Amino acid sequence: MKIILAGICLFFSTFFSCQQRGGDFKTVTVDEFAGLIANPEVQRLDVRTVAEYSEEHIPGSININVLDEQFAAVADSTLQKDKPVALYCRSGKRSKKAADILSKRGYTVYDLGSGFNGWKAAEKETEK
């Protein structure tokens, strides 16, 4: 019996320790995102290019381009790990990459699934 239990414990410890941990973040709708960013404790992050951000963005957002090779380092020096991060890109693809990177680094992350395009289509507030 002890051998069987030891084998089971070894199997599960090996199984779980060898798995690569994926990012743990939540993808949210436009309305959920709006509710999240209504809280001043939630950090707003635009992960598009500087040019995209300069054209128009969600008020109060900071910009860190996820395509920049220094994205993680800049994020770590700019964001606070003890406060949630609500992030977005244009359509939702780049933000998934950013959300994965940040969640693996210990941030609590919420991703706007439809991106800035969805935000604008819902006629939510933007600024230039």
N, C-alpha and C. Protein backbone atom coordinates (compact mmCIF):
# COMPACT_ATOMS: atom_id res chain seq x y z
N MET A 1 0.82 -1.20 0.00
CA MET A 1 0.00 0.00 0.00
C MET A 1 0.87 1.27 0.00
N LYS A 2 1.94 1.27 0.83
CA LYS A 2 2.82 2.42 0.90
C LYS A 2 3.49 2.66 -0.45
N ILE A 3 3.85 1.58 -1.13
CA ILE A 3 4.51 1.71 -2.43
C ILE A 3 3.56 2.33 -3.44
N ILE A 4 2.31 1.91 -3.42
CA ILE A 4 1.31 2.45 -4.35
C ILE A 4 1.09 3.94 -4.08
N LEU A 5 0.94 4.32 -2.80
CA LEU A 5 0.76 5.73 -2.46
C LEU A 5 1.98 6.56 -2.84
N ALA A 6 3.16 6.03 -2.60
CA ALA A 6 4.38 6.74 -2.97
C ALA A 6 4.44 6.92 -4.48
N GLY A 7 4.05 5.89 -5.22
CA GLY A 7 4.03 5.98 -6.68
C GLY A 7 3.04 7.01 -7.18
N ILE A 8 1.87 7.05 -6.57
CA ILE A 8 0.85 8.03 -6.95
C ILE A 8 1.34 9.44 -6.65
N CYS A 9 1.92 9.64 -5.49
CA CYS A 9 2.45 10.96 -5.12
C CYS A 9 3.55 11.38 -6.08
N LEU A 10 4.44 10.46 -6.42
CA LEU A 10 5.52 10.77 -7.35
C LEU A 10 4.95 11.14 -8.73
N PHE A 11 3.96 10.38 -9.18
CA PHE A 11 3.34 10.66 -10.49
C PHE A 11 2.76 12.07 -10.52
N PHE A 12 1.95 12.42 -9.51
CA PHE A 12 1.31 13.73 -9.50
C PHE A 12 2.32 14.86 -9.32
N SER A 13 3.32 14.67 -8.48
CA SER A 13 4.30 15.75 -8.30
C SER A 13 5.10 15.95 -9.59
N THR A 14 5.43 14.86 -10.27
CA THR A 14 6.14 14.98 -11.54
C THR A 14 5.25 15.61 -12.60
N PHE A 15 4.03 15.16 -12.67
CA PHE A 15 3.07 15.67 -13.66
C PHE A 15 2.88 17.18 -13.53
N PHE A 16 2.65 17.63 -12.31
CA PHE A 16 2.38 19.05 -12.11
C PHE A 16 3.63 19.91 -12.18
N SER A 17 4.76 19.41 -11.77
CA SER A 17 5.97 20.22 -11.81
C SER A 17 6.55 20.33 -13.21
N CYS A 18 6.22 19.39 -14.09
CA CYS A 18 6.77 19.42 -15.44
C CYS A 18 5.89 20.19 -16.42
N GLN A 19 4.68 20.48 -16.03
CA GLN A 19 3.82 21.23 -16.93
C GLN A 19 4.28 22.68 -16.99
N GLN A 20 4.26 23.23 -18.19
CA GLN A 20 4.59 24.65 -18.32
C GLN A 20 3.33 25.42 -17.96
N ARG A 21 3.46 26.31 -17.05
CA ARG A 21 2.30 27.06 -16.58
C ARG A 21 1.96 28.15 -17.58
N GLY A 22 0.73 28.11 -18.07
CA GLY A 22 0.27 29.16 -18.96
C GLY A 22 -0.14 30.37 -18.15
N GLY A 23 -0.33 31.46 -18.84
CA GLY A 23 -0.76 32.67 -18.17
C GLY A 23 -2.15 32.51 -17.60
N ASP A 24 -2.39 33.10 -16.47
CA ASP A 24 -3.68 33.01 -15.80
C ASP A 24 -4.29 34.41 -15.78
N PHE A 25 -5.11 34.71 -16.79
CA PHE A 25 -5.75 36.01 -16.88
C PHE A 25 -7.19 35.82 -17.32
N LYS A 26 -7.98 36.86 -17.15
CA LYS A 26 -9.39 36.78 -17.50
C LYS A 26 -9.69 37.72 -18.66
N THR A 27 -10.33 37.18 -19.69
CA THR A 27 -10.78 37.99 -20.81
C THR A 27 -12.18 38.48 -20.49
N VAL A 28 -12.41 39.78 -20.66
CA VAL A 28 -13.68 40.38 -20.26
C VAL A 28 -14.33 41.14 -21.42
N THR A 29 -15.62 41.39 -21.27
CA THR A 29 -16.39 42.15 -22.26
C THR A 29 -16.13 43.65 -22.07
N VAL A 30 -16.65 44.43 -23.00
CA VAL A 30 -16.52 45.89 -22.90
C VAL A 30 -17.15 46.40 -21.61
N ASP A 31 -18.35 45.93 -21.30
CA ASP A 31 -19.02 46.41 -20.08
C ASP A 31 -18.29 45.98 -18.81
N GLU A 32 -17.76 44.76 -18.81
CA GLU A 32 -16.99 44.31 -17.64
C GLU A 32 -15.71 45.14 -17.51
N PHE A 33 -15.07 45.43 -18.64
CA PHE A 33 -13.85 46.24 -18.64
C PHE A 33 -14.16 47.64 -18.10
N ALA A 34 -15.27 48.23 -18.56
CA ALA A 34 -15.66 49.56 -18.08
C ALA A 34 -15.88 49.54 -16.57
N GLY A 35 -16.49 48.49 -16.07
CA GLY A 35 -16.70 48.36 -14.63
C GLY A 35 -15.38 48.24 -13.87
N LEU A 36 -14.46 47.48 -14.43
CA LEU A 36 -13.15 47.31 -13.79
C LEU A 36 -12.39 48.63 -13.70
N ILE A 37 -12.33 49.35 -14.81
CA ILE A 37 -11.52 50.57 -14.82
C ILE A 37 -12.18 51.74 -14.10
N ALA A 38 -13.44 51.56 -13.69
CA ALA A 38 -14.09 52.57 -12.86
C ALA A 38 -13.43 52.62 -11.48
N ASN A 39 -12.77 51.53 -11.11
CA ASN A 39 -12.04 51.44 -9.85
C ASN A 39 -10.67 52.09 -10.04
N PRO A 40 -10.35 53.14 -9.29
CA PRO A 40 -9.06 53.83 -9.46
C PRO A 40 -7.85 52.96 -9.12
N GLU A 41 -8.06 51.85 -8.43
CA GLU A 41 -6.96 50.94 -8.09
C GLU A 41 -6.52 50.09 -9.28
N VAL A 42 -7.36 50.02 -10.32
CA VAL A 42 -7.05 49.20 -11.50
C VAL A 42 -6.21 50.01 -12.47
N GLN A 43 -5.06 49.45 -12.85
CA GLN A 43 -4.15 50.10 -13.79
C GLN A 43 -4.64 49.85 -15.21
N ARG A 44 -4.68 50.90 -16.02
CA ARG A 44 -5.13 50.79 -17.40
C ARG A 44 -3.91 50.76 -18.31
N LEU A 45 -3.84 49.72 -19.15
CA LEU A 45 -2.67 49.55 -19.99
C LEU A 45 -3.06 49.32 -21.45
N ASP A 46 -2.56 50.19 -22.31
CA ASP A 46 -2.72 50.08 -23.76
C ASP A 46 -1.43 49.46 -24.29
N VAL A 47 -1.53 48.31 -24.94
CA VAL A 47 -0.32 47.61 -25.39
C VAL A 47 -0.07 47.78 -26.89
N ARG A 48 -0.74 48.75 -27.51
CA ARG A 48 -0.56 49.02 -28.93
C ARG A 48 0.72 49.84 -29.14
N THR A 49 0.97 50.18 -30.40
CA THR A 49 2.14 51.01 -30.71
C THR A 49 1.91 52.44 -30.23
N VAL A 50 2.98 53.20 -30.13
CA VAL A 50 2.89 54.60 -29.73
C VAL A 50 2.01 55.38 -30.71
N ALA A 51 2.15 55.09 -32.00
CA ALA A 51 1.34 55.78 -33.02
C ALA A 51 -0.15 55.51 -32.82
N GLU A 52 -0.51 54.26 -32.56
CA GLU A 52 -1.92 53.92 -32.32
C GLU A 52 -2.44 54.62 -31.07
N TYR A 53 -1.64 54.56 -30.01
CA TYR A 53 -2.01 55.19 -28.75
C TYR A 53 -2.20 56.70 -28.93
N SER A 54 -1.31 57.33 -29.69
CA SER A 54 -1.37 58.78 -29.91
C SER A 54 -2.62 59.21 -30.67
N GLU A 55 -3.10 58.34 -31.55
CA GLU A 55 -4.31 58.67 -32.31
C GLU A 55 -5.53 58.74 -31.40
N GLU A 56 -5.66 57.76 -30.52
CA GLU A 56 -6.83 57.69 -29.63
C GLU A 56 -6.65 56.52 -28.67
N HIS A 57 -7.10 56.70 -27.44
CA HIS A 57 -6.98 55.64 -26.43
C HIS A 57 -8.05 55.81 -25.35
N ILE A 58 -8.14 54.83 -24.48
CA ILE A 58 -9.05 54.89 -23.34
C ILE A 58 -8.44 55.85 -22.31
N PRO A 59 -9.23 56.80 -21.82
CA PRO A 59 -8.70 57.78 -20.86
C PRO A 59 -8.01 57.12 -19.66
N GLY A 60 -6.90 57.71 -19.26
CA GLY A 60 -6.18 57.22 -18.10
C GLY A 60 -5.26 56.05 -18.38
N SER A 61 -5.19 55.60 -19.62
CA SER A 61 -4.34 54.47 -19.97
C SER A 61 -2.89 54.90 -20.15
N ILE A 62 -2.00 54.02 -19.75
CA ILE A 62 -0.59 54.22 -20.09
C ILE A 62 -0.28 53.30 -21.27
N ASN A 63 0.77 53.62 -21.99
CA ASN A 63 1.11 52.86 -23.19
C ASN A 63 2.46 52.17 -23.03
N ILE A 64 2.43 50.83 -23.20
CA ILE A 64 3.66 50.04 -23.28
C ILE A 64 3.43 49.07 -24.43
N ASN A 65 4.18 49.22 -25.50
CA ASN A 65 4.01 48.42 -26.70
C ASN A 65 4.46 46.97 -26.46
N VAL A 66 3.53 46.04 -26.57
CA VAL A 66 3.84 44.63 -26.32
C VAL A 66 4.81 44.07 -27.36
N LEU A 67 4.90 44.70 -28.52
CA LEU A 67 5.81 44.23 -29.57
C LEU A 67 7.25 44.68 -29.33
N ASP A 68 7.45 45.57 -28.38
CA ASP A 68 8.79 46.02 -28.02
C ASP A 68 9.48 44.90 -27.23
N GLU A 69 10.71 44.59 -27.57
CA GLU A 69 11.41 43.50 -26.89
C GLU A 69 11.63 43.79 -25.41
N GLN A 70 11.52 45.03 -24.99
CA GLN A 70 11.68 45.41 -23.59
C GLN A 70 10.35 45.50 -22.85
N PHE A 71 9.28 44.97 -23.45
CA PHE A 71 7.94 45.09 -22.87
C PHE A 71 7.91 44.67 -21.39
N ALA A 72 8.38 43.48 -21.09
CA ALA A 72 8.31 42.96 -19.72
C ALA A 72 9.09 43.84 -18.75
N ALA A 73 10.27 44.27 -19.15
CA ALA A 73 11.10 45.11 -18.28
C ALA A 73 10.45 46.47 -18.04
N VAL A 74 9.91 47.06 -19.10
CA VAL A 74 9.24 48.36 -18.95
C VAL A 74 7.99 48.20 -18.07
N ALA A 75 7.24 47.13 -18.29
CA ALA A 75 6.05 46.88 -17.48
C ALA A 75 6.42 46.75 -16.00
N ASP A 76 7.47 45.98 -15.72
CA ASP A 76 7.89 45.79 -14.33
C ASP A 76 8.34 47.10 -13.67
N SER A 77 8.89 48.00 -14.45
CA SER A 77 9.35 49.27 -13.86
C SER A 77 8.24 50.32 -13.81
N THR A 78 7.13 50.06 -14.46
CA THR A 78 6.04 51.03 -14.54
C THR A 78 4.81 50.63 -13.73
N LEU A 79 4.46 49.36 -13.79
CA LEU A 79 3.24 48.86 -13.15
C LEU A 79 3.50 48.39 -11.72
N GLN A 80 2.41 48.34 -10.95
CA GLN A 80 2.48 47.83 -9.57
C GLN A 80 1.86 46.45 -9.53
N LYS A 81 2.60 45.47 -9.05
CA LYS A 81 2.10 44.09 -9.03
C LYS A 81 0.95 43.88 -8.05
N ASP A 82 0.81 44.76 -7.07
CA ASP A 82 -0.25 44.58 -6.08
C ASP A 82 -1.58 45.20 -6.52
N LYS A 83 -1.62 45.75 -7.74
CA LYS A 83 -2.86 46.32 -8.27
C LYS A 83 -3.19 45.65 -9.60
N PRO A 84 -4.47 45.33 -9.83
CA PRO A 84 -4.85 44.67 -11.09
C PRO A 84 -4.52 45.53 -12.31
N VAL A 85 -4.31 44.85 -13.43
CA VAL A 85 -4.02 45.51 -14.70
C VAL A 85 -5.14 45.16 -15.69
N ALA A 86 -5.78 46.19 -16.24
CA ALA A 86 -6.79 46.01 -17.29
C ALA A 86 -6.15 46.47 -18.58
N LEU A 87 -5.95 45.55 -19.52
CA LEU A 87 -5.21 45.92 -20.72
C LEU A 87 -5.99 45.64 -22.00
N TYR A 88 -5.54 46.31 -23.06
CA TYR A 88 -6.20 46.16 -24.36
C TYR A 88 -5.23 46.49 -25.49
N CYS A 89 -5.60 46.02 -26.68
CA CYS A 89 -4.89 46.39 -27.91
C CYS A 89 -5.96 46.81 -28.92
N ARG A 90 -5.69 46.70 -30.19
CA ARG A 90 -6.66 47.13 -31.20
C ARG A 90 -7.83 46.15 -31.29
N SER A 91 -7.52 44.87 -31.49
CA SER A 91 -8.58 43.89 -31.72
C SER A 91 -8.64 42.76 -30.70
N GLY A 92 -7.64 42.62 -29.86
CA GLY A 92 -7.64 41.58 -28.84
C GLY A 92 -6.54 40.55 -28.99
N LYS A 93 -5.81 40.56 -30.09
CA LYS A 93 -4.76 39.55 -30.30
C LYS A 93 -3.49 39.88 -29.51
N ARG A 94 -2.95 41.07 -29.68
CA ARG A 94 -1.72 41.45 -28.97
C ARG A 94 -1.93 41.49 -27.47
N SER A 95 -3.14 41.88 -27.05
CA SER A 95 -3.40 41.96 -25.61
C SER A 95 -3.35 40.59 -24.96
N LYS A 96 -3.70 39.54 -25.69
CA LYS A 96 -3.62 38.18 -25.14
C LYS A 96 -2.14 37.84 -24.86
N LYS A 97 -1.27 38.24 -25.78
CA LYS A 97 0.18 38.02 -25.59
C LYS A 97 0.66 38.78 -24.35
N ALA A 98 0.26 40.05 -24.25
CA ALA A 98 0.66 40.87 -23.11
C ALA A 98 0.10 40.30 -21.80
N ALA A 99 -1.15 39.88 -21.83
CA ALA A 99 -1.79 39.32 -20.63
C ALA A 99 -1.06 38.06 -20.18
N ASP A 100 -0.66 37.24 -21.13
CA ASP A 100 0.07 36.02 -20.82
C ASP A 100 1.41 36.36 -20.16
N ILE A 101 2.14 37.29 -20.75
CA ILE A 101 3.45 37.70 -20.21
C ILE A 101 3.30 38.24 -18.79
N LEU A 102 2.36 39.17 -18.61
CA LEU A 102 2.21 39.81 -17.30
C LEU A 102 1.69 38.85 -16.24
N SER A 103 0.74 38.00 -16.60
CA SER A 103 0.21 37.07 -15.59
C SER A 103 1.28 36.08 -15.15
N LYS A 104 2.16 35.68 -16.06
CA LYS A 104 3.26 34.79 -15.68
C LYS A 104 4.26 35.50 -14.77
N ARG A 105 4.25 36.83 -14.79
CA ARG A 105 5.17 37.61 -13.95
C ARG A 105 4.52 38.00 -12.62
N GLY A 106 3.30 37.51 -12.38
CA GLY A 106 2.67 37.73 -11.08
C GLY A 106 1.62 38.82 -11.01
N TYR A 107 1.25 39.39 -12.14
CA TYR A 107 0.21 40.43 -12.16
C TYR A 107 -1.18 39.78 -12.25
N THR A 108 -2.17 40.45 -11.69
CA THR A 108 -3.56 40.07 -11.89
C THR A 108 -4.02 40.83 -13.12
N VAL A 109 -4.42 40.11 -14.17
CA VAL A 109 -4.65 40.73 -15.47
C VAL A 109 -6.06 40.47 -15.99
N TYR A 110 -6.65 41.54 -16.55
CA TYR A 110 -7.93 41.48 -17.24
C TYR A 110 -7.72 41.98 -18.65
N ASP A 111 -8.12 41.19 -19.63
CA ASP A 111 -7.91 41.50 -21.04
C ASP A 111 -9.24 41.88 -21.69
N LEU A 112 -9.27 43.02 -22.37
CA LEU A 112 -10.47 43.44 -23.11
C LEU A 112 -10.53 42.60 -24.38
N GLY A 113 -11.40 41.61 -24.39
CA GLY A 113 -11.45 40.63 -25.46
C GLY A 113 -11.66 41.19 -26.86
N SER A 114 -12.48 42.21 -26.98
CA SER A 114 -12.76 42.79 -28.30
C SER A 114 -11.84 43.95 -28.63
N GLY A 115 -10.94 44.27 -27.73
CA GLY A 115 -9.97 45.32 -27.96
C GLY A 115 -10.57 46.72 -28.06
N PHE A 116 -9.72 47.64 -28.49
CA PHE A 116 -10.13 49.04 -28.62
C PHE A 116 -11.24 49.19 -29.67
N ASN A 117 -11.21 48.34 -30.70
CA ASN A 117 -12.27 48.38 -31.71
C ASN A 117 -13.63 48.12 -31.07
N GLY A 118 -13.70 47.14 -30.19
CA GLY A 118 -14.94 46.83 -29.49
C GLY A 118 -15.36 47.96 -28.55
N TRP A 119 -14.38 48.57 -27.91
CA TRP A 119 -14.63 49.70 -27.01
C TRP A 119 -15.28 50.85 -27.78
N LYS A 120 -14.70 51.17 -28.94
CA LYS A 120 -15.24 52.26 -29.76
C LYS A 120 -16.61 51.90 -30.32
N ALA A 121 -16.79 50.66 -30.75
CA ALA A 121 -18.08 50.23 -31.30
C ALA A 121 -19.19 50.35 -30.25
N ALA A 122 -18.83 50.18 -28.97
CA ALA A 122 -19.79 50.33 -27.88
C ALA A 122 -19.97 51.79 -27.47
N GLU A 123 -19.28 52.68 -28.20
CA GLU A 123 -19.36 54.12 -27.97
C GLU A 123 -18.96 54.53 -26.56
N LYS A 124 -17.91 53.87 -26.08
CA LYS A 124 -17.35 54.23 -24.77
C LYS A 124 -16.38 55.40 -24.95
N GLU A 125 -16.08 56.05 -23.84
CA GLU A 125 -15.24 57.26 -23.87
C GLU A 125 -13.81 56.97 -24.33
N THR A 126 -13.30 57.86 -25.19
CA THR A 126 -11.91 57.80 -25.64
C THR A 126 -11.32 59.21 -25.57
N GLU A 127 -10.00 59.29 -25.69
CA GLU A 127 -9.35 60.59 -25.75
C GLU A 127 -8.18 60.52 -26.71
N LYS A 128 -7.77 61.71 -27.16
CA LYS A 128 -6.64 61.78 -28.09
C LYS A 128 -5.44 62.37 -27.39
